[in-house]
Amino acid sequence: MSWKIAMIGGGSVLWIPRLGCDLLLQPELDGSELVLVDIDAEAVKLCRAYLQECVRRLKCHWKISIASENSALKGADCVVVSISTGGFEAMDRDYTIPEKYGVYHSVSDTVGPGGIFRTLRNAPVFLGIAKKMARLCPDAWMVHVTNPLSQITRIVSGSGLVRCCGLCHEVRIAMNRLSKFLGLEKPEDLDPVFVGVNHFTLMTELYAKGIKNPMERLNLDDYLNYCTPGAVLPSGTVDDLVAKGTASTYPIYVNMFLKGILGAYPAADSPHIIENFPRFLNDLSLLPKFKLWRKGVLPARPDTKRKLAETLRTTLAEGKEPPEIAERSGEMLCDTLVGLLSGEPRRIIATMPNVGQVDNLPRSASVETWAVASRSGVHPVQSGGVPMSALGFMSSVVAEQELTCAAAVKRDRALVRQALFASPLLHQKENVDGLMQDLFDGEKQWLDW
């Protein structure tokens, strides 16, 4: 059986080669059509050519095409969305404008001032897609990988237009790192329990093959002994000042530090995790102390995009084998689609409306846990509650997100103000009005209210 999968944002040279090849490598989906949609005509043509070469080398039977959004959505069995409204220019403003007010984002795509305004930009675009889906493919799921994952999932799900889930690879990356740290052969040797919200998901329980009490092994002393002193932060991926001021790279130092306090392990990269806590990102002198770094936007990210595009072109021009066809990645998009379309149940990490899978966070708020994807839908697994040690922090983040989503849907600046005021990252609350006005002024070309 074959299916039609629409991929909006199908010109992403970062995501499409990997996510597309993961789909091609799934025999359950062979013979399906992947329809790419993107506002960048040249990029989407490059991605199509690259995936067509992968189809040829794999000797599979996929059809890779390009279409308008309406044509792609018409009769689609599933819709995958990977976009960022405003692109790198808007992202850089999310990142830099708050600095004037003592908010030094490490990422700026999920929470805090940057996450709030990224939500405001993306909300109308996603609701527009959802409205088209309700008309052109009402039975299809929207599966998206766009940040802020929680807020977009909340807004689309709350609209009642289509069914929606969000996917993120941070938990999978955490499992990869911890399996190596614990000396295990593969991430599948771990069986954790996760609760929380995207980029603030906590591992509350852990089974590790052949290891007694593995949660006790996750401590800062053992981690420091495990790390190699003297390794430098990778150039081009972090803020130069902080990179130079940090002698060694300990990518999960803060995770281990927080686990020692909270009793649960934060399962996302340090720059994502730390944005959920007050104080750490209000004083640049604290970053080296806690082995933190700021990812930045310009010029590194556009440069990376150009290099990735050139790599794809070179691979095609020189007849090299695309590396993505060697094996599937740990991304869970292919598992989700295999489950939804073929009916073979697959366990995934998903952001979904809370129906009780996290028992002490508000109902309908977006939460991240294990889930099972099958033909009947994506079904979250009941996972318990957020530990009391972290509940106050997480409740603040959820409140910020709920206010942000309401503001985006209602186009209400008073709610934006409340969301900014609630944010743990804005420590000087008296600056809320100036910060809000500067962000609206700086992003007015993407926000018409």
Protein backbone atom coordinates (compact mmCIF):
# COMPACT_ATOMS: atom_id res chain seq x y z
CA MET A 1 0.00 0.00 0.00
CA SER A 2 1.22 3.52 -0.74
CA TRP A 3 0.52 6.87 0.88
CA LYS A 4 0.84 10.55 0.09
CA ILE A 5 3.00 12.47 2.55
CA ALA A 6 3.16 16.26 2.26
CA MET A 7 6.28 17.90 3.67
CA ILE A 8 5.94 21.65 4.19
CA GLY A 9 9.40 23.11 4.55
CA GLY A 10 10.63 20.55 2.05
CA GLY A 11 13.56 22.72 1.00
CA SER A 12 15.39 22.50 4.31
CA VAL A 13 18.91 21.35 3.49
CA LEU A 14 19.40 20.58 7.18
CA TRP A 15 16.34 18.40 7.75
CA ILE A 16 15.05 17.00 4.46
CA PRO A 17 18.01 14.80 3.44
CA ARG A 18 17.98 13.10 6.85
CA LEU A 19 14.24 12.89 7.47
CA GLY A 20 13.54 11.99 3.86
CA CYS A 21 16.07 9.16 3.79
CA ASP A 22 14.73 7.81 7.08
CA LEU A 23 11.38 7.43 5.32
CA LEU A 24 12.96 5.83 2.25
CA LEU A 25 14.62 3.24 4.48
CA GLN A 26 11.28 2.06 5.92
CA PRO A 27 10.04 -0.92 3.85
CA GLU A 28 6.54 -0.48 5.28
CA LEU A 29 6.24 2.84 3.42
CA ASP A 30 7.85 1.86 0.10
CA GLY A 31 5.93 3.00 -2.95
CA SER A 32 4.62 6.14 -1.28
CA GLU A 33 4.85 9.70 -2.57
CA LEU A 34 6.71 12.47 -0.75
CA VAL A 35 5.50 15.89 -1.89
CA LEU A 36 7.85 18.76 -1.03
CA VAL A 37 6.60 22.31 -0.47
CA ASP A 38 8.83 25.32 0.14
CA ILE A 39 8.97 29.05 -0.52
CA ASP A 40 12.63 28.65 -1.60
CA ALA A 41 12.33 27.26 -5.14
CA GLU A 42 16.03 26.50 -5.58
CA ALA A 43 16.41 24.78 -2.22
CA VAL A 44 13.41 22.53 -2.74
CA LYS A 45 14.66 21.51 -6.20
CA LEU A 46 18.01 20.60 -4.66
CA CYS A 47 16.33 18.52 -1.95
CA ARG A 48 14.16 16.75 -4.52
CA ALA A 49 17.16 15.90 -6.69
CA TYR A 50 19.06 14.62 -3.66
CA LEU A 51 16.21 12.39 -2.51
CA GLN A 52 15.63 11.13 -6.05
CA GLU A 53 19.28 10.05 -6.13
CA CYS A 54 18.74 8.28 -2.81
CA VAL A 55 15.71 6.49 -4.25
CA ARG A 56 17.79 5.38 -7.24
CA ARG A 57 20.61 4.04 -5.10
CA LEU A 58 18.30 2.29 -2.64
CA LYS A 59 16.31 0.77 -5.53
CA CYS A 60 13.08 1.61 -3.72
CA HIS A 61 9.84 2.81 -5.27
CA TRP A 62 9.19 6.21 -3.75
CA LYS A 63 8.01 9.15 -5.84
CA ILE A 64 9.55 12.51 -4.89
CA SER A 65 7.71 15.56 -6.21
CA ILE A 66 7.31 19.32 -5.70
CA ALA A 67 3.93 21.01 -5.49
CA SER A 68 2.10 24.04 -4.22
CA GLU A 69 0.81 23.85 -0.67
CA ASN A 70 -2.79 23.28 -1.76
CA SER A 71 -1.85 20.55 -4.24
CA ALA A 72 0.38 18.83 -1.71
CA LEU A 73 -2.31 18.86 0.98
CA LYS A 74 -5.12 17.62 -1.26
CA GLY A 75 -5.72 14.00 -0.30
CA ALA A 76 -2.57 13.78 1.83
CA ASP A 77 -2.43 10.93 4.32
CA CYS A 78 -0.02 12.78 6.62
CA VAL A 79 1.40 16.30 6.71
CA VAL A 80 4.90 16.98 8.05
CA VAL A 81 5.79 20.59 8.83
CA SER A 82 9.30 21.95 9.36
CA ILE A 83 9.36 25.73 8.95
CA SER A 84 10.47 28.88 10.75
CA THR A 85 8.49 32.03 9.99
CA GLY A 86 10.88 34.92 9.49
CA GLY A 87 13.92 32.69 9.07
CA PHE A 88 17.32 33.52 10.51
CA GLU A 89 16.72 37.28 10.53
CA ALA A 90 13.74 36.97 12.87
CA MET A 91 15.52 34.36 14.98
CA ASP A 92 18.47 36.71 15.44
CA ARG A 93 16.15 39.42 16.74
CA ASP A 94 14.61 36.95 19.19
CA TYR A 95 18.15 36.28 20.39
CA THR A 96 19.69 39.75 20.46
CA ILE A 97 16.93 42.25 21.36
CA PRO A 98 16.44 40.80 24.89
CA GLU A 99 20.15 41.31 25.62
CA LYS A 100 19.44 45.01 26.18
CA TYR A 101 17.29 43.94 29.13
CA GLY A 102 19.73 41.46 30.67
CA VAL A 103 18.28 38.34 29.04
CA TYR A 104 21.10 36.40 27.37
CA HIS A 105 19.31 33.61 25.54
CA SER A 106 21.31 30.45 24.95
CA VAL A 107 18.95 29.31 22.15
CA SER A 108 15.82 31.54 22.10
CA ASP A 109 13.52 29.16 20.21
CA THR A 110 11.36 27.75 23.02
CA VAL A 111 10.79 29.90 26.10
CA GLY A 112 11.55 33.39 27.31
CA PRO A 113 11.18 36.50 25.13
CA GLY A 114 12.55 34.74 22.06
CA GLY A 115 10.28 31.73 22.42
CA ILE A 116 7.26 33.96 23.01
CA PHE A 117 7.79 35.99 19.85
CA ARG A 118 8.71 32.95 17.79
CA THR A 119 5.31 31.57 18.81
CA LEU A 120 3.56 34.78 17.76
CA ARG A 121 5.17 34.59 14.29
CA ASN A 122 4.49 30.92 13.69
CA ALA A 123 0.96 30.64 15.09
CA PRO A 124 -0.96 32.18 12.16
CA VAL A 125 1.06 30.19 9.64
CA PHE A 126 0.36 26.89 11.36
CA LEU A 127 -3.30 27.72 11.85
CA GLY A 128 -3.47 28.54 8.14
CA ILE A 129 -2.04 25.13 7.29
CA ALA A 130 -4.45 23.47 9.71
CA LYS A 131 -7.43 25.23 8.11
CA LYS A 132 -6.35 24.01 4.67
CA MET A 133 -5.87 20.49 6.03
CA ALA A 134 -9.38 20.51 7.49
CA ARG A 135 -10.67 21.17 3.98
CA LEU A 136 -8.25 19.17 1.82
CA CYS A 137 -7.15 16.23 4.01
CA PRO A 138 -9.31 16.23 7.15
CA ASP A 139 -8.24 12.76 8.29
CA ALA A 140 -4.50 13.46 8.09
CA TRP A 141 -2.32 14.08 11.12
CA MET A 142 -0.09 17.12 11.29
CA VAL A 143 3.30 15.96 12.55
CA HIS A 144 5.69 18.86 13.06
CA VAL A 145 9.26 19.42 14.18
CA THR A 146 9.11 23.21 14.47
CA ASN A 147 10.09 25.13 17.58
CA PRO A 148 8.56 26.20 19.84
CA LEU A 149 7.24 22.66 19.76
CA SER A 150 4.97 22.85 22.81
CA GLN A 151 3.24 26.08 21.88
CA ILE A 152 2.62 25.15 18.24
CA THR A 153 1.22 21.77 19.26
CA ARG A 154 -1.01 23.49 21.82
CA ILE A 155 -2.32 26.04 19.33
CA VAL A 156 -3.03 23.60 16.50
CA SER A 157 -4.52 20.94 18.78
CA GLY A 158 -6.58 23.54 20.61
CA SER A 159 -8.05 24.79 17.33
CA GLY A 160 -9.89 21.50 16.85
CA LEU A 161 -9.13 21.65 13.13
CA VAL A 162 -6.80 18.66 12.84
CA ARG A 163 -4.95 16.18 15.01
CA CYS A 164 -1.40 17.23 15.77
CA CYS A 165 1.73 16.02 17.54
CA GLY A 166 5.22 17.47 17.86
CA LEU A 167 8.49 15.56 17.60
CA CYS A 168 11.89 16.50 18.99
CA HIS A 169 15.21 14.64 18.98
CA GLU A 170 16.57 16.03 22.25
CA VAL A 171 15.45 13.06 24.36
CA ARG A 172 16.99 10.66 21.85
CA ILE A 173 20.26 12.62 21.96
CA ALA A 174 20.17 12.40 25.76
CA MET A 175 19.74 8.62 25.56
CA ASN A 176 22.69 8.37 23.16
CA ARG A 177 24.91 10.36 25.51
CA LEU A 178 23.86 8.48 28.62
CA SER A 179 24.28 5.07 27.01
CA LYS A 180 27.90 5.98 26.20
CA PHE A 181 28.48 7.45 29.64
CA LEU A 182 27.18 4.25 31.26
CA GLY A 183 29.25 2.05 28.94
CA LEU A 184 26.32 0.48 27.12
CA GLU A 185 26.37 -0.66 23.51
CA LYS A 186 23.33 1.24 22.28
CA PRO A 187 20.61 3.65 23.44
CA GLU A 188 18.07 0.84 23.31
CA ASP A 189 19.82 -0.65 26.35
CA LEU A 190 18.16 2.16 28.31
CA ASP A 191 14.48 2.22 29.25
CA PRO A 192 13.66 5.55 30.91
CA VAL A 193 10.47 7.25 32.07
CA PHE A 194 10.12 10.86 30.94
CA VAL A 195 7.78 13.63 32.06
CA GLY A 196 7.74 17.33 31.32
CA VAL A 197 7.47 19.81 28.50
CA ASN A 198 9.64 19.98 25.40
CA HIS A 199 13.21 21.07 26.18
CA PHE A 200 12.41 20.67 29.88
CA THR A 201 11.71 16.94 29.97
CA LEU A 202 12.89 15.07 33.05
CA MET A 203 14.00 11.46 33.29
CA THR A 204 12.41 10.30 36.54
CA GLU A 205 13.17 6.58 36.30
CA LEU A 206 15.78 4.58 34.41
CA TYR A 207 16.42 0.94 33.62
CA ALA A 208 19.85 0.24 32.14
CA LYS A 209 20.85 -3.20 30.91
CA GLY A 210 23.15 -4.90 33.40
CA ILE A 211 23.48 -1.86 35.69
CA LYS A 212 22.08 -1.72 39.20
CA ASN A 213 20.65 1.64 40.32
CA PRO A 214 21.67 3.50 37.13
CA MET A 215 20.14 6.79 38.28
CA GLU A 216 22.76 6.91 41.03
CA ARG A 217 25.46 6.76 38.37
CA LEU A 218 24.19 10.03 36.91
CA ASN A 219 26.15 12.40 39.13
CA LEU A 220 28.51 15.28 38.58
CA ASP A 221 31.60 13.67 40.13
CA ASP A 222 31.42 10.60 37.91
CA TYR A 223 30.70 12.76 34.89
CA LEU A 224 33.73 14.99 35.50
CA ASN A 225 35.93 11.91 35.79
CA TYR A 226 34.46 10.66 32.51
CA CYS A 227 35.15 13.88 30.57
CA THR A 228 38.41 14.64 28.83
CA PRO A 229 39.91 17.89 30.17
CA GLY A 230 41.24 20.36 27.66
CA ALA A 231 38.76 19.73 24.86
CA VAL A 232 37.66 23.03 23.34
CA LEU A 233 34.17 24.06 22.38
CA PRO A 234 33.50 23.52 18.65
CA SER A 235 34.18 26.73 16.78
CA GLY A 236 31.44 28.28 14.69
CA THR A 237 28.62 26.79 16.72
CA VAL A 238 28.77 28.91 19.85
CA ASP A 239 29.16 32.50 20.91
CA ASP A 240 32.84 33.35 20.39
CA LEU A 241 33.30 35.20 23.67
CA VAL A 242 31.90 32.38 25.74
CA ALA A 243 33.71 29.74 23.69
CA LYS A 244 37.05 31.43 24.34
CA GLY A 245 36.26 31.87 28.01
CA THR A 246 35.38 28.22 28.55
CA ALA A 247 38.45 26.02 28.77
CA SER A 248 36.74 22.66 28.38
CA THR A 249 33.55 21.36 26.93
CA TYR A 250 31.28 19.39 29.21
CA PRO A 251 28.05 19.26 27.18
CA ILE A 252 25.87 17.91 29.98
CA TYR A 253 27.59 19.49 32.98
CA VAL A 254 24.47 21.47 33.86
CA ASN A 255 22.30 18.38 33.39
CA MET A 256 24.36 16.49 35.95
CA PHE A 257 24.45 19.51 38.26
CA LEU A 258 20.67 19.82 38.15
CA LYS A 259 20.14 16.08 38.52
CA GLY A 260 22.10 16.23 41.76
CA ILE A 261 19.65 18.83 43.07
CA LEU A 262 16.34 17.81 41.51
CA GLY A 263 16.77 14.04 41.71
CA ALA A 264 15.68 13.75 38.06
CA TYR A 265 17.82 14.07 34.94
CA PRO A 266 16.99 16.89 32.47
CA ALA A 267 16.87 15.18 29.07
CA ALA A 268 17.81 17.95 26.63
CA ASP A 269 20.94 19.86 25.67
CA SER A 270 22.23 22.24 28.33
CA PRO A 271 21.42 25.43 26.34
CA HIS A 272 17.80 24.33 26.07
CA ILE A 273 17.46 23.17 29.67
CA ILE A 274 18.97 26.23 31.28
CA GLU A 275 16.48 28.60 29.63
CA ASN A 276 13.80 27.18 31.95
CA PHE A 277 15.53 28.46 35.08
CA PRO A 278 15.98 32.01 36.40
CA ARG A 279 19.31 33.73 36.95
CA PHE A 280 21.75 31.55 34.93
CA LEU A 281 21.25 33.55 31.71
CA ASN A 282 21.05 36.98 33.31
CA ASP A 283 24.76 37.18 34.12
CA LEU A 284 27.33 36.28 31.46
CA SER A 285 29.95 35.58 34.13
CA LEU A 286 27.97 32.50 35.17
CA LEU A 287 28.26 30.80 31.78
CA PRO A 288 31.87 29.58 32.08
CA LYS A 289 31.27 28.54 35.69
CA PHE A 290 28.49 26.18 34.63
CA LYS A 291 30.12 25.17 31.32
CA LEU A 292 27.31 26.83 29.39
CA TRP A 293 27.42 28.32 25.93
CA ARG A 294 25.20 30.45 23.74
CA LYS A 295 24.40 28.98 20.34
CA GLY A 296 23.85 32.25 18.50
CA VAL A 297 22.16 32.79 15.13
CA LEU A 298 24.10 35.15 12.85
CA PRO A 299 26.37 34.56 11.05
CA ALA A 300 26.94 30.92 12.03
CA ARG A 301 23.57 29.44 11.10
CA PRO A 302 23.27 30.91 7.59
CA ASP A 303 26.88 29.88 6.97
CA THR A 304 26.04 26.35 8.04
CA LYS A 305 23.04 26.31 5.71
CA ARG A 306 25.19 27.40 2.76
CA LYS A 307 27.77 24.72 3.53
CA LEU A 308 25.10 22.03 3.77
CA ALA A 309 23.61 23.06 0.43
CA GLU A 310 27.05 22.98 -1.16
CA THR A 311 27.65 19.50 0.26
CA LEU A 312 24.42 18.26 -1.34
CA ARG A 313 25.35 19.80 -4.69
CA THR A 314 28.85 18.32 -4.55
CA THR A 315 27.52 14.87 -3.66
CA LEU A 316 25.23 14.95 -6.69
CA ALA A 317 27.78 16.45 -9.09
CA GLU A 318 30.54 14.00 -8.18
CA GLY A 319 28.29 10.94 -8.03
CA LYS A 320 29.09 10.22 -4.39
CA GLU A 321 26.88 7.99 -2.29
CA PRO A 322 24.62 10.04 -0.01
CA PRO A 323 25.70 9.15 3.54
CA GLU A 324 22.11 9.24 4.80
CA ILE A 325 21.21 6.03 2.96
CA ALA A 326 23.63 3.91 5.00
CA GLU A 327 21.26 3.64 7.95
CA ARG A 328 18.34 5.46 9.50
CA SER A 329 18.92 8.06 12.18
CA GLY A 330 17.44 8.23 15.65
CA GLU A 331 14.83 10.77 14.51
CA MET A 332 11.36 9.45 15.28
CA LEU A 333 9.48 10.90 12.31
CA CYS A 334 9.73 7.66 10.36
CA ASP A 335 8.49 5.64 13.35
CA THR A 336 5.55 8.01 13.74
CA LEU A 337 4.56 7.72 10.09
CA VAL A 338 5.02 3.95 9.99
CA GLY A 339 2.68 3.70 12.97
CA LEU A 340 0.06 6.13 11.69
CA LEU A 341 0.02 4.87 8.11
CA SER A 342 0.87 1.16 8.15
CA GLY A 343 -0.65 0.42 11.53
CA GLU A 344 2.48 -1.21 12.94
CA PRO A 345 2.70 0.25 16.48
CA ARG A 346 5.86 2.26 17.17
CA ARG A 347 6.98 3.79 20.47
CA ILE A 348 7.99 7.43 20.14
CA ILE A 349 8.63 10.51 22.24
CA ALA A 350 5.84 12.97 21.44
CA THR A 351 4.58 16.35 22.53
CA MET A 352 0.81 16.10 22.90
CA PRO A 353 -2.03 17.79 24.79
CA ASN A 354 -2.02 16.58 28.39
CA VAL A 355 -4.85 14.11 28.93
CA GLY A 356 -3.33 12.81 32.14
CA GLN A 357 -0.02 11.40 30.94
CA VAL A 358 1.65 13.93 33.28
CA ASP A 359 -0.66 13.93 36.24
CA ASN A 360 0.36 17.16 37.97
CA LEU A 361 0.53 19.54 35.01
CA PRO A 362 -2.56 21.31 33.60
CA ARG A 363 -4.85 19.38 31.29
CA SER A 364 -4.59 20.34 27.61
CA ALA A 365 -1.18 21.98 28.10
CA SER A 366 1.44 20.45 25.79
CA VAL A 367 3.58 17.84 27.54
CA GLU A 368 6.29 15.45 26.37
CA THR A 369 6.30 11.72 27.21
CA TRP A 370 6.52 8.36 25.56
CA ALA A 371 3.62 7.64 23.20
CA VAL A 372 2.56 4.89 20.82
CA ALA A 373 1.79 5.70 17.19
CA SER A 374 -0.60 3.35 15.39
CA ARG A 375 -3.32 3.57 12.78
CA SER A 376 -5.75 4.82 15.41
CA GLY A 377 -3.53 7.78 16.27
CA VAL A 378 -0.77 8.87 18.62
CA HIS A 379 -1.54 7.74 22.15
CA PRO A 380 0.51 9.15 25.05
CA VAL A 381 1.68 6.81 27.80
CA GLN A 382 0.75 7.63 31.39
CA SER A 383 4.07 8.56 32.97
CA GLY A 384 3.41 9.92 36.46
CA GLY A 385 4.13 13.39 37.71
CA VAL A 386 6.84 16.01 37.68
CA PRO A 387 8.96 15.70 40.85
CA MET A 388 8.08 18.31 43.47
CA SER A 389 11.67 19.57 43.29
CA ALA A 390 11.07 20.76 39.72
CA LEU A 391 7.33 21.36 39.71
CA GLY A 392 7.51 25.05 40.57
CA PHE A 393 9.97 25.77 37.77
CA MET A 394 7.98 23.76 35.24
CA SER A 395 4.66 25.26 36.29
CA SER A 396 6.10 28.72 35.60
CA VAL A 397 7.16 27.62 32.13
CA VAL A 398 3.75 26.08 31.41
CA ALA A 399 2.03 29.29 32.56
CA GLU A 400 4.25 31.32 30.23
CA GLN A 401 3.44 28.98 27.35
CA GLU A 402 -0.31 28.98 28.01
CA LEU A 403 -0.37 32.79 28.12
CA THR A 404 1.69 32.94 24.93
CA CYS A 405 -0.64 30.59 23.07
CA ALA A 406 -3.69 32.55 24.15
CA ALA A 407 -1.98 35.79 23.09
CA ALA A 408 -1.12 34.37 19.67
CA VAL A 409 -4.64 33.12 18.98
CA LYS A 410 -6.38 36.26 20.27
CA ARG A 411 -3.72 38.69 18.99
CA ASP A 412 -3.75 40.27 22.44
CA ARG A 413 -0.78 42.38 23.57
CA ALA A 414 -1.95 42.36 27.17
CA LEU A 415 -1.48 38.59 27.21
CA VAL A 416 1.95 38.94 25.58
CA ARG A 417 2.87 41.30 28.41
CA GLN A 418 1.67 38.77 30.98
CA ALA A 419 3.66 35.98 29.30
CA LEU A 420 6.84 38.06 29.34
CA PHE A 421 6.26 39.03 32.96
CA ALA A 422 5.76 35.36 33.90
CA SER A 423 8.94 34.26 32.13
CA PRO A 424 11.71 33.04 34.48
CA LEU A 425 14.25 34.57 32.09
CA LEU A 426 13.07 38.15 32.60
CA HIS A 427 14.53 38.85 36.03
CA GLN A 428 14.08 42.63 35.89
CA LYS A 429 10.29 42.61 35.72
CA GLU A 430 10.12 46.40 35.52
CA ASN A 431 11.52 46.09 31.97
CA VAL A 432 8.56 44.15 30.61
CA ASP A 433 7.04 47.05 28.67
CA GLY A 434 10.26 48.22 27.07
CA LEU A 435 11.22 44.69 26.08
CA MET A 436 7.80 43.98 24.60
CA GLN A 437 7.76 47.17 22.57
CA ASP A 438 11.28 46.62 21.24
CA LEU A 439 10.41 43.09 20.14
CA PHE A 440 7.20 44.19 18.43
CA ASP A 441 9.08 47.04 16.72
CA GLY A 442 11.95 44.77 15.70
CA GLU A 443 9.67 42.08 14.29
CA LYS A 444 6.86 44.20 12.85
CA GLN A 445 7.40 42.86 9.32
CA TRP A 446 6.24 39.45 10.55
CA LEU A 447 3.67 40.65 13.10
CA ASP A 448 0.87 42.85 11.83
CA TRP A 449 -0.83 43.57 15.16
